[in-house]
Amino acid sequence: MTSNYHAEVEKRLADQGITLPEAMAPAANYVPFKIAGTMLYVSGQLPMGADGQLIKGTCGRDIDTAGAAEAAKRCALNVLAQARAALGDFDRIVGLSKITGFVSSTGDFLEHPAVVNGASNLFVDALGERGRHARSAVGLAALPFGVAVEVEAIFEIKA
């Protein structure tokens, strides 16, 4: 049975016109999440667009900051889908401890924080105060499958 918090998260998403996707299967030899004690580790999630296609591109070359921020938001939705798959619902989430946002970018692109805000904003919008987190925004020359952004997360959960 779900608590009021799970219903709150679903309502916050629905109020934004968002339906949480099903958790994506791993793309290689790893697990999509791992629970260790009171921590839930969610492997890096890729940005799947509303059309079911990966959002690809390199910031500073062929995707702008706003487009990459939308990709980061899509990654965050997939993180939440994995958390739901791991826990059954959101009731056990104490808080989102940390995210790392990886941004495919050219050497002169400097707006990594603005891109990763797409994920950070979604987490706070969906989880409320429990969604406030520490984070890193890292620029890389390339990401798997040519995607624009990848986001991983660490949650504190109830035992």
N, C-alpha and C. Protein backbone atom coordinates (compact mmCIF):
# COMPACT_ATOMS: atom_id res chain seq x y z
N MET A 1 0.85 -1.18 0.00
CA MET A 1 0.00 0.00 0.00
C MET A 1 0.89 1.24 0.00
N THR A 2 0.50 2.24 -0.74
CA THR A 2 1.29 3.46 -0.82
C THR A 2 0.79 4.49 0.18
N SER A 3 1.70 5.34 0.59
CA SER A 3 1.37 6.39 1.56
C SER A 3 1.00 7.67 0.84
N ASN A 4 0.75 8.68 1.62
CA ASN A 4 0.44 9.98 1.05
C ASN A 4 1.61 10.55 0.27
N TYR A 5 2.86 10.25 0.69
CA TYR A 5 4.01 10.81 -0.02
C TYR A 5 4.07 10.30 -1.46
N HIS A 6 3.86 9.01 -1.65
CA HIS A 6 3.87 8.46 -3.01
C HIS A 6 2.80 9.16 -3.86
N ALA A 7 1.61 9.32 -3.29
CA ALA A 7 0.52 9.99 -4.01
C ALA A 7 0.89 11.45 -4.30
N GLU A 8 1.57 12.10 -3.36
CA GLU A 8 2.01 13.50 -3.58
C GLU A 8 2.95 13.59 -4.76
N VAL A 9 3.91 12.67 -4.83
CA VAL A 9 4.88 12.68 -5.94
C VAL A 9 4.15 12.48 -7.26
N GLU A 10 3.27 11.50 -7.31
CA GLU A 10 2.52 11.26 -8.55
C GLU A 10 1.67 12.46 -8.94
N LYS A 11 1.07 13.13 -7.96
CA LYS A 11 0.26 14.32 -8.25
C LYS A 11 1.13 15.46 -8.76
N ARG A 12 2.29 15.66 -8.14
CA ARG A 12 3.19 16.73 -8.60
C ARG A 12 3.58 16.51 -10.06
N LEU A 13 3.88 15.27 -10.40
CA LEU A 13 4.23 14.96 -11.79
C LEU A 13 3.02 15.16 -12.71
N ALA A 14 1.87 14.65 -12.29
CA ALA A 14 0.66 14.77 -13.11
C ALA A 14 0.28 16.24 -13.33
N ASP A 15 0.48 17.07 -12.31
CA ASP A 15 0.18 18.50 -12.43
C ASP A 15 1.03 19.17 -13.50
N GLN A 16 2.18 18.57 -13.81
CA GLN A 16 3.06 19.09 -14.87
C GLN A 16 2.82 18.36 -16.19
N GLY A 17 1.81 17.49 -16.21
CA GLY A 17 1.52 16.74 -17.42
C GLY A 17 2.50 15.61 -17.68
N ILE A 18 3.15 15.13 -16.61
CA ILE A 18 4.19 14.11 -16.74
C ILE A 18 3.69 12.77 -16.24
N THR A 19 3.87 11.76 -17.05
CA THR A 19 3.64 10.38 -16.65
C THR A 19 5.01 9.73 -16.54
N LEU A 20 5.28 9.12 -15.41
CA LEU A 20 6.57 8.48 -15.21
C LEU A 20 6.71 7.28 -16.16
N PRO A 21 7.83 7.19 -16.89
CA PRO A 21 8.01 6.06 -17.80
C PRO A 21 8.30 4.77 -17.03
N GLU A 22 8.24 3.66 -17.73
CA GLU A 22 8.69 2.40 -17.16
C GLU A 22 10.21 2.44 -17.06
N ALA A 23 10.76 1.74 -16.08
CA ALA A 23 12.21 1.69 -15.91
C ALA A 23 12.86 1.04 -17.12
N MET A 24 13.92 1.66 -17.62
CA MET A 24 14.64 1.15 -18.79
C MET A 24 15.55 -0.01 -18.37
N ALA A 25 15.70 -0.97 -19.26
CA ALA A 25 16.63 -2.08 -19.03
C ALA A 25 18.06 -1.57 -19.20
N PRO A 26 19.02 -2.16 -18.48
CA PRO A 26 20.41 -1.74 -18.64
C PRO A 26 20.90 -1.94 -20.07
N ALA A 27 21.79 -1.06 -20.50
CA ALA A 27 22.33 -1.13 -21.86
C ALA A 27 23.59 -1.97 -21.95
N ALA A 28 24.09 -2.46 -20.82
CA ALA A 28 25.33 -3.24 -20.81
C ALA A 28 25.32 -4.15 -19.58
N ASN A 29 26.48 -4.62 -19.15
CA ASN A 29 26.61 -5.57 -18.06
C ASN A 29 26.68 -4.86 -16.71
N TYR A 30 25.54 -4.38 -16.25
CA TYR A 30 25.42 -3.74 -14.93
C TYR A 30 23.97 -3.82 -14.50
N VAL A 31 23.71 -3.49 -13.24
CA VAL A 31 22.34 -3.45 -12.76
C VAL A 31 21.88 -1.99 -12.75
N PRO A 32 20.59 -1.74 -12.96
CA PRO A 32 20.11 -0.37 -13.04
C PRO A 32 20.06 0.34 -11.69
N PHE A 33 20.04 -0.44 -10.61
CA PHE A 33 20.05 0.15 -9.26
C PHE A 33 20.61 -0.87 -8.29
N LYS A 34 21.04 -0.37 -7.14
CA LYS A 34 21.60 -1.24 -6.10
C LYS A 34 21.22 -0.63 -4.75
N ILE A 35 20.66 -1.44 -3.87
CA ILE A 35 20.37 -1.00 -2.51
C ILE A 35 21.46 -1.53 -1.60
N ALA A 36 22.05 -0.64 -0.83
CA ALA A 36 23.07 -1.01 0.16
C ALA A 36 22.70 -0.32 1.46
N GLY A 37 22.16 -1.09 2.40
CA GLY A 37 21.73 -0.51 3.66
C GLY A 37 20.61 0.50 3.44
N THR A 38 20.88 1.74 3.82
CA THR A 38 19.87 2.79 3.66
C THR A 38 20.17 3.70 2.47
N MET A 39 20.91 3.17 1.51
CA MET A 39 21.23 3.95 0.31
C MET A 39 20.74 3.21 -0.93
N LEU A 40 20.17 3.97 -1.85
CA LEU A 40 19.78 3.45 -3.16
C LEU A 40 20.63 4.16 -4.20
N TYR A 41 21.40 3.38 -4.93
CA TYR A 41 22.25 3.91 -6.00
C TYR A 41 21.57 3.61 -7.34
N VAL A 42 21.32 4.65 -8.12
CA VAL A 42 20.72 4.47 -9.44
C VAL A 42 21.79 4.74 -10.48
N SER A 43 22.02 3.73 -11.32
CA SER A 43 23.01 3.86 -12.40
C SER A 43 22.64 5.00 -13.33
N GLY A 44 23.63 5.46 -14.10
CA GLY A 44 23.40 6.54 -15.04
C GLY A 44 22.24 6.26 -15.98
N GLN A 45 21.35 7.22 -16.09
CA GLN A 45 20.17 7.09 -16.94
C GLN A 45 20.29 8.02 -18.14
N LEU A 46 19.85 7.52 -19.27
CA LEU A 46 19.95 8.26 -20.52
C LEU A 46 18.64 8.99 -20.81
N PRO A 47 18.70 10.00 -21.68
CA PRO A 47 17.51 10.81 -21.98
C PRO A 47 16.68 10.22 -23.12
N MET A 48 15.56 9.64 -22.76
CA MET A 48 14.64 9.11 -23.76
C MET A 48 13.57 10.16 -24.00
N GLY A 49 13.46 10.61 -25.22
CA GLY A 49 12.47 11.63 -25.57
C GLY A 49 11.05 11.07 -25.55
N ALA A 50 10.07 11.97 -25.64
CA ALA A 50 8.66 11.56 -25.65
C ALA A 50 8.35 10.65 -26.84
N ASP A 51 9.17 10.76 -27.89
CA ASP A 51 8.98 9.93 -29.09
C ASP A 51 9.64 8.56 -28.97
N GLY A 52 10.25 8.28 -27.80
CA GLY A 52 10.91 7.00 -27.59
C GLY A 52 12.32 6.92 -28.12
N GLN A 53 12.83 8.02 -28.64
CA GLN A 53 14.19 8.06 -29.18
C GLN A 53 15.13 8.74 -28.19
N LEU A 54 16.38 8.30 -28.17
CA LEU A 54 17.38 8.95 -27.33
C LEU A 54 17.62 10.37 -27.82
N ILE A 55 17.81 11.29 -26.87
CA ILE A 55 18.13 12.67 -27.21
C ILE A 55 19.64 12.77 -27.33
N LYS A 56 20.09 13.00 -28.55
CA LYS A 56 21.52 12.99 -28.85
C LYS A 56 22.03 14.39 -29.13
N GLY A 57 23.35 14.55 -29.03
CA GLY A 57 23.96 15.82 -29.39
C GLY A 57 25.10 16.19 -28.47
N THR A 58 25.81 17.22 -28.88
CA THR A 58 26.94 17.75 -28.12
C THR A 58 26.70 19.23 -27.89
N CYS A 59 26.67 19.63 -26.63
CA CYS A 59 26.47 21.05 -26.29
C CYS A 59 27.62 21.87 -26.86
N GLY A 60 27.29 23.00 -27.43
CA GLY A 60 28.29 23.84 -28.05
C GLY A 60 28.47 23.53 -29.52
N ARG A 61 27.82 22.46 -29.99
CA ARG A 61 27.92 22.10 -31.41
C ARG A 61 26.54 21.90 -32.03
N ASP A 62 25.78 20.90 -31.57
CA ASP A 62 24.52 20.60 -32.26
C ASP A 62 23.29 20.47 -31.36
N ILE A 63 23.42 20.85 -30.08
CA ILE A 63 22.26 20.96 -29.20
C ILE A 63 22.49 22.16 -28.30
N ASP A 64 21.45 22.98 -28.12
CA ASP A 64 21.62 24.17 -27.29
C ASP A 64 21.37 23.84 -25.82
N THR A 65 21.62 24.82 -24.96
CA THR A 65 21.50 24.62 -23.52
C THR A 65 20.09 24.20 -23.13
N ALA A 66 19.08 24.84 -23.70
CA ALA A 66 17.69 24.50 -23.37
C ALA A 66 17.35 23.07 -23.79
N GLY A 67 17.80 22.67 -24.96
CA GLY A 67 17.55 21.30 -25.42
C GLY A 67 18.25 20.28 -24.55
N ALA A 68 19.46 20.60 -24.12
CA ALA A 68 20.20 19.69 -23.25
C ALA A 68 19.58 19.64 -21.86
N ALA A 69 19.05 20.78 -21.37
CA ALA A 69 18.36 20.79 -20.07
C ALA A 69 17.12 19.91 -20.13
N GLU A 70 16.41 19.92 -21.25
CA GLU A 70 15.26 19.03 -21.42
C GLU A 70 15.73 17.57 -21.42
N ALA A 71 16.86 17.30 -22.02
CA ALA A 71 17.42 15.94 -21.99
C ALA A 71 17.75 15.54 -20.56
N ALA A 72 18.31 16.46 -19.77
CA ALA A 72 18.62 16.17 -18.36
C ALA A 72 17.34 15.88 -17.58
N LYS A 73 16.27 16.61 -17.88
CA LYS A 73 14.97 16.36 -17.24
C LYS A 73 14.51 14.95 -17.56
N ARG A 74 14.67 14.53 -18.81
CA ARG A 74 14.28 13.18 -19.22
C ARG A 74 15.11 12.13 -18.49
N CYS A 75 16.38 12.41 -18.28
CA CYS A 75 17.23 11.50 -17.49
C CYS A 75 16.68 11.38 -16.08
N ALA A 76 16.30 12.52 -15.49
CA ALA A 76 15.77 12.52 -14.12
C ALA A 76 14.50 11.69 -14.02
N LEU A 77 13.64 11.78 -15.02
CA LEU A 77 12.43 10.95 -15.03
C LEU A 77 12.80 9.48 -15.02
N ASN A 78 13.82 9.11 -15.77
CA ASN A 78 14.26 7.72 -15.79
C ASN A 78 14.89 7.30 -14.47
N VAL A 79 15.57 8.24 -13.79
CA VAL A 79 16.08 7.96 -12.44
C VAL A 79 14.91 7.64 -11.51
N LEU A 80 13.87 8.48 -11.55
CA LEU A 80 12.70 8.24 -10.69
C LEU A 80 12.02 6.92 -11.04
N ALA A 81 11.98 6.57 -12.32
CA ALA A 81 11.40 5.28 -12.72
C ALA A 81 12.20 4.13 -12.13
N GLN A 82 13.52 4.25 -12.11
CA GLN A 82 14.36 3.20 -11.51
C GLN A 82 14.15 3.14 -10.00
N ALA A 83 14.02 4.30 -9.36
CA ALA A 83 13.77 4.32 -7.91
C ALA A 83 12.45 3.62 -7.60
N ARG A 84 11.44 3.90 -8.39
CA ARG A 84 10.14 3.24 -8.19
C ARG A 84 10.28 1.74 -8.41
N ALA A 85 11.04 1.33 -9.43
CA ALA A 85 11.24 -0.10 -9.69
C ALA A 85 11.98 -0.77 -8.53
N ALA A 86 12.94 -0.06 -7.95
CA ALA A 86 13.72 -0.62 -6.85
C ALA A 86 12.91 -0.74 -5.57
N LEU A 87 12.06 0.26 -5.31
CA LEU A 87 11.39 0.37 -4.02
C LEU A 87 9.90 0.02 -4.07
N GLY A 88 9.34 -0.07 -5.24
CA GLY A 88 7.91 -0.32 -5.37
C GLY A 88 7.08 0.95 -5.45
N ASP A 89 7.51 1.97 -4.73
CA ASP A 89 6.89 3.29 -4.76
C ASP A 89 7.90 4.26 -4.15
N PHE A 90 7.46 5.46 -3.81
CA PHE A 90 8.39 6.47 -3.30
C PHE A 90 8.35 6.63 -1.78
N ASP A 91 7.58 5.79 -1.10
CA ASP A 91 7.38 5.96 0.34
C ASP A 91 8.65 5.84 1.16
N ARG A 92 9.59 5.01 0.72
CA ARG A 92 10.82 4.79 1.51
C ARG A 92 11.88 5.85 1.27
N ILE A 93 11.65 6.77 0.35
CA ILE A 93 12.65 7.80 0.06
C ILE A 93 12.70 8.81 1.20
N VAL A 94 13.85 8.89 1.84
CA VAL A 94 14.11 9.91 2.85
C VAL A 94 14.54 11.19 2.15
N GLY A 95 15.39 11.04 1.14
CA GLY A 95 15.84 12.19 0.39
C GLY A 95 16.78 11.79 -0.73
N LEU A 96 16.90 12.68 -1.68
CA LEU A 96 17.87 12.52 -2.76
C LEU A 96 19.17 13.14 -2.27
N SER A 97 20.19 12.32 -2.10
CA SER A 97 21.45 12.80 -1.52
C SER A 97 22.31 13.52 -2.54
N LYS A 98 22.52 12.91 -3.72
CA LYS A 98 23.44 13.50 -4.70
C LYS A 98 23.11 13.00 -6.09
N ILE A 99 23.30 13.90 -7.06
CA ILE A 99 23.24 13.49 -8.46
C ILE A 99 24.55 13.89 -9.12
N THR A 100 24.88 13.18 -10.17
CA THR A 100 25.96 13.59 -11.05
C THR A 100 25.37 13.68 -12.45
N GLY A 101 25.55 14.84 -13.06
CA GLY A 101 25.09 15.05 -14.43
C GLY A 101 26.28 15.12 -15.35
N PHE A 102 26.30 14.25 -16.34
CA PHE A 102 27.37 14.21 -17.33
C PHE A 102 26.83 14.85 -18.61
N VAL A 103 27.54 15.85 -19.11
CA VAL A 103 27.08 16.63 -20.25
C VAL A 103 28.06 16.47 -21.40
N SER A 104 27.59 15.98 -22.53
CA SER A 104 28.43 15.91 -23.73
C SER A 104 28.60 17.33 -24.24
N SER A 105 29.86 17.77 -24.34
CA SER A 105 30.08 19.17 -24.69
C SER A 105 31.42 19.39 -25.38
N THR A 106 31.47 20.49 -26.11
CA THR A 106 32.73 20.91 -26.71
C THR A 106 33.60 21.52 -25.62
N GLY A 107 34.87 21.69 -25.91
CA GLY A 107 35.81 22.23 -24.92
C GLY A 107 35.51 23.64 -24.48
N ASP A 108 34.82 24.41 -25.31
CA ASP A 108 34.55 25.80 -24.94
C ASP A 108 33.13 26.01 -24.40
N PHE A 109 32.36 24.94 -24.23
CA PHE A 109 31.01 25.06 -23.65
C PHE A 109 31.14 25.21 -22.14
N LEU A 110 30.45 26.21 -21.56
CA LEU A 110 30.62 26.51 -20.13
C LEU A 110 29.31 26.48 -19.34
N GLU A 111 28.23 26.02 -19.92
CA GLU A 111 26.92 26.11 -19.26
C GLU A 111 26.44 24.77 -18.68
N HIS A 112 27.38 23.94 -18.26
CA HIS A 112 27.03 22.63 -17.69
C HIS A 112 26.03 22.75 -16.53
N PRO A 113 26.22 23.71 -15.59
CA PRO A 113 25.25 23.81 -14.49
C PRO A 113 23.83 24.09 -14.98
N ALA A 114 23.68 24.92 -16.00
CA ALA A 114 22.35 25.22 -16.54
C ALA A 114 21.72 23.98 -17.16
N VAL A 115 22.52 23.15 -17.80
CA VAL A 115 22.01 21.90 -18.38
C VAL A 115 21.52 20.98 -17.27
N VAL A 116 22.33 20.77 -16.25
CA VAL A 116 21.99 19.83 -15.18
C VAL A 116 20.83 20.36 -14.33
N ASN A 117 20.59 21.68 -14.37
CA ASN A 117 19.40 22.22 -13.70
C ASN A 117 18.12 21.57 -14.21
N GLY A 118 18.12 21.11 -15.46
CA GLY A 118 16.94 20.41 -15.97
C GLY A 118 16.59 19.21 -15.11
N ALA A 119 17.60 18.48 -14.66
CA ALA A 119 17.38 17.34 -13.77
C ALA A 119 17.07 17.81 -12.36
N SER A 120 17.88 18.73 -11.84
CA SER A 120 17.69 19.21 -10.47
C SER A 120 16.29 19.77 -10.27
N ASN A 121 15.83 20.57 -11.21
CA ASN A 121 14.49 21.17 -11.09
C ASN A 121 13.41 20.10 -11.08
N LEU A 122 13.55 19.09 -11.91
CA LEU A 122 12.55 18.01 -11.94
C LEU A 122 12.52 17.27 -10.61
N PHE A 123 13.69 16.98 -10.04
CA PHE A 123 13.73 16.27 -8.76
C PHE A 123 13.04 17.08 -7.66
N VAL A 124 13.30 18.37 -7.59
CA VAL A 124 12.67 19.21 -6.57
C VAL A 124 11.18 19.35 -6.85
N ASP A 125 10.81 19.54 -8.11
CA ASP A 125 9.39 19.65 -8.45
C ASP A 125 8.64 18.37 -8.08
N ALA A 126 9.23 17.22 -8.31
CA ALA A 126 8.56 15.95 -8.06
C ALA A 126 8.60 15.53 -6.59
N LEU A 127 9.76 15.68 -5.96
CA LEU A 127 9.96 15.15 -4.60
C LEU A 127 9.83 16.20 -3.51
N GLY A 128 9.67 17.46 -3.87
CA GLY A 128 9.59 18.52 -2.87
C GLY A 128 10.93 18.66 -2.16
N GLU A 129 10.89 18.95 -0.88
CA GLU A 129 12.13 19.15 -0.11
C GLU A 129 13.02 17.90 -0.12
N ARG A 130 12.42 16.73 -0.23
CA ARG A 130 13.22 15.50 -0.29
C ARG A 130 14.04 15.41 -1.57
N GLY A 131 13.72 16.24 -2.54
CA GLY A 131 14.44 16.25 -3.80
C GLY A 131 15.64 17.18 -3.85
N ARG A 132 15.85 17.97 -2.79
CA ARG A 132 17.01 18.87 -2.75
C ARG A 132 18.26 18.03 -2.53
N HIS A 133 19.33 18.32 -3.28
CA HIS A 133 20.47 17.40 -3.33
C HIS A 133 21.78 18.13 -3.58
N ALA A 134 22.86 17.46 -3.25
CA ALA A 134 24.19 17.89 -3.70
C ALA A 134 24.34 17.39 -5.13
N ARG A 135 25.27 18.00 -5.89
CA ARG A 135 25.43 17.52 -7.26
C ARG A 135 26.77 17.93 -7.85
N SER A 136 27.11 17.23 -8.91
CA SER A 136 28.23 17.60 -9.77
C SER A 136 27.70 17.68 -11.19
N ALA A 137 28.21 18.65 -11.94
CA ALA A 137 27.89 18.81 -13.36
C ALA A 137 29.21 18.72 -14.11
N VAL A 138 29.37 17.68 -14.91
CA VAL A 138 30.65 17.37 -15.52
C VAL A 138 30.53 17.36 -17.04
N GLY A 139 31.45 18.04 -17.71
CA GLY A 139 31.48 18.03 -19.16
C GLY A 139 32.41 16.95 -19.68
N LEU A 140 31.97 16.24 -20.72
CA LEU A 140 32.75 15.17 -21.32
C LEU A 140 32.71 15.30 -22.84
N ALA A 141 33.71 14.75 -23.49
CA ALA A 141 33.78 14.83 -24.96
C ALA A 141 32.72 13.97 -25.63
N ALA A 142 32.31 12.88 -24.99
CA ALA A 142 31.31 11.99 -25.59
C ALA A 142 30.64 11.17 -24.49
N LEU A 143 29.40 10.75 -24.76
CA LEU A 143 28.65 9.89 -23.86
C LEU A 143 28.13 8.69 -24.65
N PRO A 144 27.71 7.62 -23.95
CA PRO A 144 27.23 6.42 -24.64
C PRO A 144 26.13 6.73 -25.66
N PHE A 145 26.21 6.09 -26.80
CA PHE A 145 25.20 6.19 -27.87
C PHE A 145 25.05 7.61 -28.42
N GLY A 146 25.98 8.49 -28.08
CA GLY A 146 25.92 9.86 -28.58
C GLY A 146 24.91 10.74 -27.87
N VAL A 147 24.43 10.31 -26.68
CA VAL A 147 23.42 11.12 -25.98
C VAL A 147 24.02 12.43 -25.48
N ALA A 148 23.14 13.39 -25.25
CA ALA A 148 23.55 14.71 -24.81
C ALA A 148 23.88 14.76 -23.32
N VAL A 149 23.16 13.97 -22.51
CA VAL A 149 23.29 14.03 -21.05
C VAL A 149 23.07 12.64 -20.47
N GLU A 150 23.70 12.39 -19.33
CA GLU A 150 23.45 11.18 -18.53
C GLU A 150 23.42 11.63 -17.08
N VAL A 151 22.49 11.07 -16.28
CA VAL A 151 22.36 11.45 -14.87
C VAL A 151 22.30 10.19 -14.02
N GLU A 152 23.13 10.17 -12.95
CA GLU A 152 23.07 9.10 -11.95
C GLU A 152 22.67 9.73 -10.62
N ALA A 153 22.19 8.90 -9.68
CA ALA A 153 21.68 9.46 -8.42
C ALA A 153 21.91 8.51 -7.25
N ILE A 154 21.99 9.13 -6.08
CA ILE A 154 22.09 8.39 -4.82
C ILE A 154 20.98 8.91 -3.90
N PHE A 155 20.13 8.00 -3.43
CA PHE A 155 19.04 8.33 -2.52
C PHE A 155 19.32 7.75 -1.14
N GLU A 156 18.88 8.45 -0.10
CA GLU A 156 18.80 7.86 1.23
C GLU A 156 17.39 7.29 1.36
N ILE A 157 17.30 6.05 1.86
CA ILE A 157 15.99 5.40 1.97
C ILE A 157 15.80 4.85 3.38
N LYS A 158 14.54 4.60 3.71
CA LYS A 158 14.21 3.94 4.97
C LYS A 158 14.56 2.46 4.83
N ALA A 159 15.11 1.90 5.90
CA ALA A 159 15.49 0.47 5.87
C ALA A 159 14.27 -0.42 5.78
